[in-house]
């Protein structure tokens, strides 16, 4: 399946999350409909680039991102809820909401599921970031795959997203 593109709706899936020690179902509708959201996706919790660069910078810049009319910043990975919760706690993240895509349903629906079995990871998400308005992809920054199965880390970062949002505000556009 080719990756979704700007102007398309995000996949409608149900995420299994943990809240106060209980399982809770959270749908794409709950996360995106009637809202402006920045979602960034990455290959895996506790992995080097994800833990040292991608996640920390989004956590740092989330307040500045929200100034541009963004309701919430989400981090998605093909990991289970327990791993995502442990990673959030280990990283001390307070400005980003973690979304576990344990079965890869959302990632598959986005056309962003990649095979990383050669590295012992199984199926994982490509690295990307997107601005979603009312369930529709407004802007998508996806990294380029390399021949060895890794990806660049050039356009899915928090600084690129913040610059994009600032350019919209500068042009007189709003993200409400």
Protein backbone atom coordinates (compact mmCIF):
# COMPACT_ATOMS: atom_id res chain seq x y z
CA UNK A 1 0.00 0.00 0.00
CA UNK A 2 1.48 3.39 -0.93
CA UNK A 3 1.78 5.97 1.85
CA UNK A 4 -1.15 8.30 2.42
CA UNK A 5 -0.62 11.84 1.20
CA UNK A 6 -1.71 15.32 2.11
CA UNK A 7 -5.46 15.80 1.76
CA UNK A 8 -6.30 12.23 2.78
CA UNK A 9 -7.96 11.16 6.04
CA UNK A 10 -5.91 9.34 8.63
CA UNK A 11 -6.81 5.67 9.13
CA UNK A 12 -9.65 4.91 11.51
CA UNK A 13 -8.28 2.47 14.09
CA UNK A 14 -8.60 1.68 17.77
CA UNK A 15 -5.54 2.03 19.98
CA UNK A 16 -5.24 0.07 23.24
CA UNK A 17 -3.80 2.37 25.89
CA UNK A 18 -3.33 2.15 29.63
CA UNK A 19 -4.96 4.74 31.88
CA UNK A 20 -4.72 4.48 35.65
CA UNK A 21 -3.83 0.77 35.40
CA UNK A 22 -6.78 -0.11 33.15
CA UNK A 23 -7.10 -0.81 29.44
CA UNK A 24 -8.86 1.94 27.49
CA UNK A 25 -9.80 2.03 23.82
CA UNK A 26 -8.89 5.25 22.06
CA UNK A 27 -9.90 5.76 18.43
CA UNK A 28 -8.54 7.88 15.62
CA UNK A 29 -11.79 9.82 15.88
CA UNK A 30 -11.00 10.60 19.54
CA UNK A 31 -7.52 11.85 18.66
CA UNK A 32 -8.09 13.79 15.45
CA UNK A 33 -11.69 14.78 14.73
CA UNK A 34 -12.42 18.44 15.38
CA UNK A 35 -8.82 19.05 16.41
CA UNK A 36 -5.48 20.18 15.02
CA UNK A 37 -2.79 17.67 15.92
CA UNK A 38 0.90 17.16 15.21
CA UNK A 39 1.80 13.49 15.16
CA UNK A 40 5.33 12.23 14.79
CA UNK A 41 6.05 8.55 14.28
CA UNK A 42 9.28 6.72 14.80
CA UNK A 43 10.71 3.20 14.54
CA UNK A 44 10.89 2.32 18.22
CA UNK A 45 10.90 3.29 21.85
CA UNK A 46 14.31 3.33 23.53
CA UNK A 47 16.16 3.38 20.19
CA UNK A 48 19.07 5.86 19.86
CA UNK A 49 17.85 8.52 17.40
CA UNK A 50 14.30 8.31 18.75
CA UNK A 51 15.42 8.71 22.37
CA UNK A 52 18.24 11.22 21.94
CA UNK A 53 16.94 13.47 19.16
CA UNK A 54 13.41 12.94 17.87
CA UNK A 55 11.36 12.68 21.06
CA UNK A 56 13.29 15.13 23.28
CA UNK A 57 13.11 17.94 20.73
CA UNK A 58 9.37 17.51 20.21
CA UNK A 59 8.91 17.54 23.98
CA UNK A 60 10.99 20.72 24.21
CA UNK A 61 9.19 22.51 21.34
CA UNK A 62 5.63 21.29 22.03
CA UNK A 63 4.63 24.52 23.83
CA UNK A 64 5.87 26.60 20.87
CA UNK A 65 4.05 24.26 18.46
CA UNK A 66 0.80 24.68 20.41
CA UNK A 67 1.10 28.48 20.11
CA UNK A 68 0.27 27.98 16.42
CA UNK A 69 -3.16 26.53 17.16
CA UNK A 70 -2.13 22.91 17.61
CA UNK A 71 -4.24 21.15 20.23
CA UNK A 72 -1.86 18.29 20.95
CA UNK A 73 1.47 16.71 19.99
CA UNK A 74 1.41 12.91 19.67
CA UNK A 75 4.25 10.40 19.47
CA UNK A 76 3.36 7.12 17.77
CA UNK A 77 5.40 3.93 17.57
CA UNK A 78 4.72 0.29 16.77
CA UNK A 79 5.23 -0.68 20.41
CA UNK A 80 2.79 -1.84 23.06
CA UNK A 81 1.28 0.39 25.74
CA UNK A 82 3.59 -0.91 28.47
CA UNK A 83 6.72 -0.09 26.45
CA UNK A 84 5.41 3.35 25.47
CA UNK A 85 4.51 4.18 29.07
CA UNK A 86 7.92 3.01 30.33
CA UNK A 87 9.66 5.06 27.63
CA UNK A 88 7.64 8.19 28.49
CA UNK A 89 8.56 7.78 32.13
CA UNK A 90 12.26 7.06 31.41
CA UNK A 91 12.46 10.12 29.15
CA UNK A 92 10.64 12.40 31.62
CA UNK A 93 8.29 13.59 28.87
CA UNK A 94 5.43 15.84 29.90
CA UNK A 95 4.49 17.79 26.74
CA UNK A 96 3.84 14.91 24.31
CA UNK A 97 1.15 12.21 24.43
CA UNK A 98 2.34 8.69 23.60
CA UNK A 99 0.21 6.52 21.31
CA UNK A 100 1.02 2.80 21.18
CA UNK A 101 0.31 1.22 17.80
CA UNK A 102 1.08 -2.26 19.07
CA UNK A 103 -0.33 -4.16 16.09
CA UNK A 104 0.77 -1.56 13.56
CA UNK A 105 -2.81 -0.98 12.39
CA UNK A 106 -2.54 2.81 12.12
CA UNK A 107 0.95 2.60 10.65
CA UNK A 108 -0.18 0.02 8.09
CA UNK A 109 -3.18 2.20 7.20
CA UNK A 110 -0.84 5.15 6.71
CA UNK A 111 1.23 3.03 4.31
CA UNK A 112 4.21 3.59 6.61
CA UNK A 113 4.79 0.06 7.93
CA UNK A 114 8.26 -1.19 7.02
CA UNK A 115 10.01 -4.50 7.45
CA UNK A 116 12.92 -4.24 9.88
CA UNK A 117 13.26 -7.96 10.53
CA UNK A 118 16.85 -7.89 9.26
CA UNK A 119 17.62 -5.73 12.32
CA UNK A 120 15.53 -7.91 14.66
CA UNK A 121 12.79 -5.28 14.99
CA UNK A 122 9.97 -6.95 13.06
CA UNK A 123 7.58 -4.54 11.39
CA UNK A 124 7.96 -0.92 12.45
CA UNK A 125 6.96 2.57 11.43
CA UNK A 126 8.83 4.74 9.01
CA UNK A 127 9.97 7.99 10.59
CA UNK A 128 7.60 10.86 9.75
CA UNK A 129 5.75 13.85 11.17
CA UNK A 130 2.43 15.26 10.08
CA UNK A 131 0.03 18.08 10.77
CA UNK A 132 -3.54 16.77 10.90
CA UNK A 133 -6.61 19.01 10.87
CA UNK A 134 -9.96 17.44 11.69
CA UNK A 135 -8.70 13.99 10.69
CA UNK A 136 -7.19 15.10 7.35
CA UNK A 137 -3.44 15.18 6.68
CA UNK A 138 -2.55 18.83 6.05
CA UNK A 139 1.24 18.44 5.86
CA UNK A 140 3.40 15.32 5.85
CA UNK A 141 7.17 15.19 6.35
CA UNK A 142 8.43 11.64 5.69
CA UNK A 143 12.04 10.54 5.84
CA UNK A 144 13.71 8.85 2.88
CA UNK A 145 14.65 5.19 3.22
CA UNK A 146 18.26 4.19 2.66
CA UNK A 147 19.36 0.99 0.87
CA UNK A 148 20.42 -0.56 4.21
CA UNK A 149 16.89 -0.26 5.62
CA UNK A 150 17.61 2.75 7.84
CA UNK A 151 16.15 6.18 7.18
CA UNK A 152 17.38 9.71 7.12
CA UNK A 153 16.55 12.06 9.99
CA UNK A 154 16.19 15.36 8.17
CA UNK A 155 12.55 16.46 7.81
CA UNK A 156 10.46 14.72 10.49
CA UNK A 157 12.01 16.70 13.32
CA UNK A 158 10.29 19.21 15.61
CA UNK A 159 12.20 22.19 14.22
CA UNK A 160 10.95 21.50 10.68
CA UNK A 161 7.36 21.21 11.91
CA UNK A 162 7.63 24.38 13.97
CA UNK A 163 9.08 26.27 10.98
CA UNK A 164 6.20 25.03 8.82
CA UNK A 165 3.62 26.18 11.39
CA UNK A 166 5.35 29.54 11.74
CA UNK A 167 5.32 30.01 7.96
CA UNK A 168 1.57 29.41 7.95
CA UNK A 169 1.07 31.97 10.71
CA UNK A 170 3.36 34.42 8.90
CA UNK A 171 1.27 34.10 5.73
CA UNK A 172 -1.81 34.99 7.75
CA UNK A 173 -3.16 31.45 7.85
CA UNK A 174 -4.51 30.05 11.07
CA UNK A 175 -4.43 26.52 12.37
CA UNK A 176 -7.72 26.79 14.25
